[in-house]
Amino acid sequence: MQRAYRESTRAVGAIICAVGIAMVVITLARGGGPLALGVIVGVAFAALGALRVVIANRLTPPSDKT
């Protein structure tokens, strides 16, 4: 059960990061500048999603392969 929770946390973090990157790309493609709301929110989403994945990886206990 714990493994499923860790993997789902990583998956959700990766999805949030991808949504943030997509927001930035779409905003810039539609003519938004670097301070447009879509860029700022997209960068925040991407950073928080990536941070969630990194923290989930660091908090993972070492596996016992005996």
N, C-alpha and C. Protein backbone atom coordinates (compact mmCIF):
# COMPACT_ATOMS: atom_id res chain seq x y z
N MET A 1 0.82 -1.19 0.00
CA MET A 1 0.00 0.00 0.00
C MET A 1 0.87 1.26 0.00
N GLN A 2 1.95 1.23 0.77
CA GLN A 2 2.85 2.38 0.86
C GLN A 2 3.52 2.65 -0.49
N ARG A 3 3.86 1.60 -1.20
CA ARG A 3 4.49 1.76 -2.51
C ARG A 3 3.54 2.42 -3.50
N ALA A 4 2.27 2.05 -3.47
CA ALA A 4 1.28 2.65 -4.36
C ALA A 4 1.11 4.13 -4.05
N TYR A 5 1.15 4.48 -2.78
CA TYR A 5 1.04 5.89 -2.40
C TYR A 5 2.23 6.69 -2.93
N ARG A 6 3.45 6.15 -2.78
CA ARG A 6 4.64 6.85 -3.27
C ARG A 6 4.60 7.03 -4.78
N GLU A 7 4.22 5.97 -5.47
CA GLU A 7 4.17 6.05 -6.94
C GLU A 7 3.09 7.01 -7.41
N SER A 8 1.95 7.04 -6.73
CA SER A 8 0.90 7.98 -7.13
C SER A 8 1.31 9.41 -6.82
N THR A 9 2.06 9.63 -5.75
CA THR A 9 2.57 10.96 -5.44
C THR A 9 3.52 11.43 -6.53
N ARG A 10 4.39 10.56 -6.98
CA ARG A 10 5.31 10.91 -8.08
C ARG A 10 4.54 11.19 -9.37
N ALA A 11 3.54 10.38 -9.65
CA ALA A 11 2.76 10.56 -10.88
C ALA A 11 2.00 11.88 -10.87
N VAL A 12 1.39 12.21 -9.75
CA VAL A 12 0.65 13.47 -9.64
C VAL A 12 1.61 14.65 -9.76
N GLY A 13 2.78 14.56 -9.16
CA GLY A 13 3.78 15.62 -9.27
C GLY A 13 4.23 15.81 -10.71
N ALA A 14 4.44 14.72 -11.43
CA ALA A 14 4.84 14.81 -12.83
C ALA A 14 3.73 15.41 -13.69
N ILE A 15 2.49 15.06 -13.40
CA ILE A 15 1.36 15.62 -14.16
C ILE A 15 1.23 17.12 -13.89
N ILE A 16 1.38 17.53 -12.64
CA ILE A 16 1.30 18.95 -12.30
C ILE A 16 2.42 19.72 -13.00
N CYS A 17 3.60 19.15 -13.03
CA CYS A 17 4.73 19.78 -13.71
C CYS A 17 4.45 19.92 -15.21
N ALA A 18 3.92 18.88 -15.82
CA ALA A 18 3.60 18.91 -17.25
C ALA A 18 2.51 19.95 -17.55
N VAL A 19 1.52 20.06 -16.68
CA VAL A 19 0.47 21.06 -16.86
C VAL A 19 1.07 22.46 -16.79
N GLY A 20 1.98 22.68 -15.87
CA GLY A 20 2.63 23.98 -15.76
C GLY A 20 3.43 24.34 -16.99
N ILE A 21 4.17 23.37 -17.52
CA ILE A 21 4.94 23.62 -18.74
C ILE A 21 4.01 23.91 -19.90
N ALA A 22 2.93 23.17 -19.99
CA ALA A 22 1.95 23.41 -21.06
C ALA A 22 1.34 24.81 -20.94
N MET A 23 1.07 25.25 -19.73
CA MET A 23 0.52 26.59 -19.53
C MET A 23 1.49 27.66 -20.04
N VAL A 24 2.76 27.49 -19.75
CA VAL A 24 3.75 28.45 -20.20
C VAL A 24 3.84 28.47 -21.72
N VAL A 25 3.90 27.29 -22.32
CA VAL A 25 4.00 27.19 -23.77
C VAL A 25 2.79 27.80 -24.46
N ILE A 26 1.60 27.49 -23.99
CA ILE A 26 0.37 28.01 -24.59
C ILE A 26 0.30 29.53 -24.44
N THR A 27 0.66 30.02 -23.26
CA THR A 27 0.61 31.47 -23.03
C THR A 27 1.58 32.20 -23.96
N LEU A 28 2.80 31.68 -24.10
CA LEU A 28 3.77 32.32 -24.97
C LEU A 28 3.37 32.20 -26.44
N ALA A 29 2.76 31.08 -26.81
CA ALA A 29 2.33 30.89 -28.20
C ALA A 29 1.20 31.84 -28.58
N ARG A 30 0.40 32.22 -27.60
CA ARG A 30 -0.72 33.14 -27.87
C ARG A 30 -0.32 34.61 -27.71
N GLY A 31 0.95 34.86 -27.53
CA GLY A 31 1.42 36.24 -27.51
C GLY A 31 1.62 36.84 -26.14
N GLY A 32 1.56 36.04 -25.11
CA GLY A 32 1.77 36.55 -23.76
C GLY A 32 3.24 36.83 -23.52
N GLY A 33 3.51 37.81 -22.70
CA GLY A 33 4.88 38.15 -22.36
C GLY A 33 5.38 37.36 -21.17
N PRO A 34 6.61 37.63 -20.76
CA PRO A 34 7.18 36.88 -19.64
C PRO A 34 6.49 37.15 -18.31
N LEU A 35 5.77 38.25 -18.20
CA LEU A 35 5.07 38.55 -16.95
C LEU A 35 3.57 38.30 -17.05
N ALA A 36 3.15 37.59 -18.09
CA ALA A 36 1.72 37.26 -18.23
C ALA A 36 1.32 36.29 -17.13
N LEU A 37 0.06 36.34 -16.76
CA LEU A 37 -0.45 35.51 -15.68
C LEU A 37 -0.24 34.02 -15.97
N GLY A 38 -0.45 33.61 -17.20
CA GLY A 38 -0.27 32.20 -17.57
C GLY A 38 1.16 31.73 -17.40
N VAL A 39 2.11 32.60 -17.68
CA VAL A 39 3.52 32.24 -17.51
C VAL A 39 3.86 32.13 -16.04
N ILE A 40 3.42 33.09 -15.25
CA ILE A 40 3.74 33.08 -13.82
C ILE A 40 3.11 31.87 -13.13
N VAL A 41 1.85 31.61 -13.41
CA VAL A 41 1.17 30.47 -12.79
C VAL A 41 1.75 29.15 -13.33
N GLY A 42 2.07 29.11 -14.61
CA GLY A 42 2.65 27.91 -15.20
C GLY A 42 4.01 27.57 -14.61
N VAL A 43 4.84 28.59 -14.41
CA VAL A 43 6.14 28.36 -13.78
C VAL A 43 5.97 27.87 -12.35
N ALA A 44 5.00 28.44 -11.65
CA ALA A 44 4.74 28.00 -10.27
C ALA A 44 4.28 26.54 -10.24
N PHE A 45 3.37 26.17 -11.15
CA PHE A 45 2.92 24.79 -11.23
C PHE A 45 4.08 23.85 -11.54
N ALA A 46 4.89 24.22 -12.53
CA ALA A 46 6.02 23.37 -12.92
C ALA A 46 7.00 23.19 -11.77
N ALA A 47 7.29 24.28 -11.07
CA ALA A 47 8.23 24.20 -9.95
C ALA A 47 7.67 23.36 -8.81
N LEU A 48 6.41 23.57 -8.47
CA LEU A 48 5.82 22.80 -7.37
C LEU A 48 5.68 21.32 -7.72
N GLY A 49 5.34 21.03 -8.97
CA GLY A 49 5.25 19.63 -9.38
C GLY A 49 6.60 18.94 -9.34
N ALA A 50 7.62 19.63 -9.83
CA ALA A 50 8.97 19.06 -9.81
C ALA A 50 9.46 18.89 -8.38
N LEU A 51 9.16 19.86 -7.53
CA LEU A 51 9.56 19.77 -6.13
C LEU A 51 8.87 18.60 -5.43
N ARG A 52 7.62 18.37 -5.79
CA ARG A 52 6.89 17.25 -5.21
C ARG A 52 7.53 15.91 -5.59
N VAL A 53 7.97 15.79 -6.83
CA VAL A 53 8.63 14.57 -7.28
C VAL A 53 9.97 14.40 -6.57
N VAL A 54 10.73 15.48 -6.46
CA VAL A 54 12.05 15.41 -5.80
C VAL A 54 11.89 15.02 -4.34
N ILE A 55 10.96 15.64 -3.66
CA ILE A 55 10.76 15.32 -2.24
C ILE A 55 10.28 13.88 -2.07
N ALA A 56 9.39 13.43 -2.96
CA ALA A 56 8.92 12.04 -2.88
C ALA A 56 10.07 11.06 -3.09
N ASN A 57 11.00 11.40 -3.97
CA ASN A 57 12.15 10.53 -4.21
C ASN A 57 13.11 10.52 -3.03
N ARG A 58 13.29 11.66 -2.39
CA ARG A 58 14.22 11.73 -1.27
C ARG A 58 13.66 11.08 -0.01
N LEU A 59 12.36 11.09 0.14
CA LEU A 59 11.75 10.51 1.34
C LEU A 59 11.51 9.02 1.22
N THR A 60 11.80 8.47 0.06
CA THR A 60 11.60 7.04 -0.16
C THR A 60 12.65 6.26 0.64
N PRO A 61 12.22 5.37 1.50
CA PRO A 61 13.19 4.59 2.25
C PRO A 61 13.91 3.60 1.33
N PRO A 62 15.14 3.26 1.65
CA PRO A 62 15.86 2.31 0.79
C PRO A 62 15.17 0.96 0.79
N SER A 63 15.13 0.34 -0.37
CA SER A 63 14.46 -0.95 -0.49
C SER A 63 15.35 -2.07 0.04
N ASP A 64 14.72 -3.03 0.66
CA ASP A 64 15.45 -4.19 1.19
C ASP A 64 15.41 -5.30 0.17
N LYS A 65 16.52 -5.48 -0.54
CA LYS A 65 16.60 -6.54 -1.55
C LYS A 65 17.49 -7.64 -1.01
N THR A 66 16.90 -8.47 -0.16
CA THR A 66 17.66 -9.57 0.41
C THR A 66 17.20 -10.88 -0.10
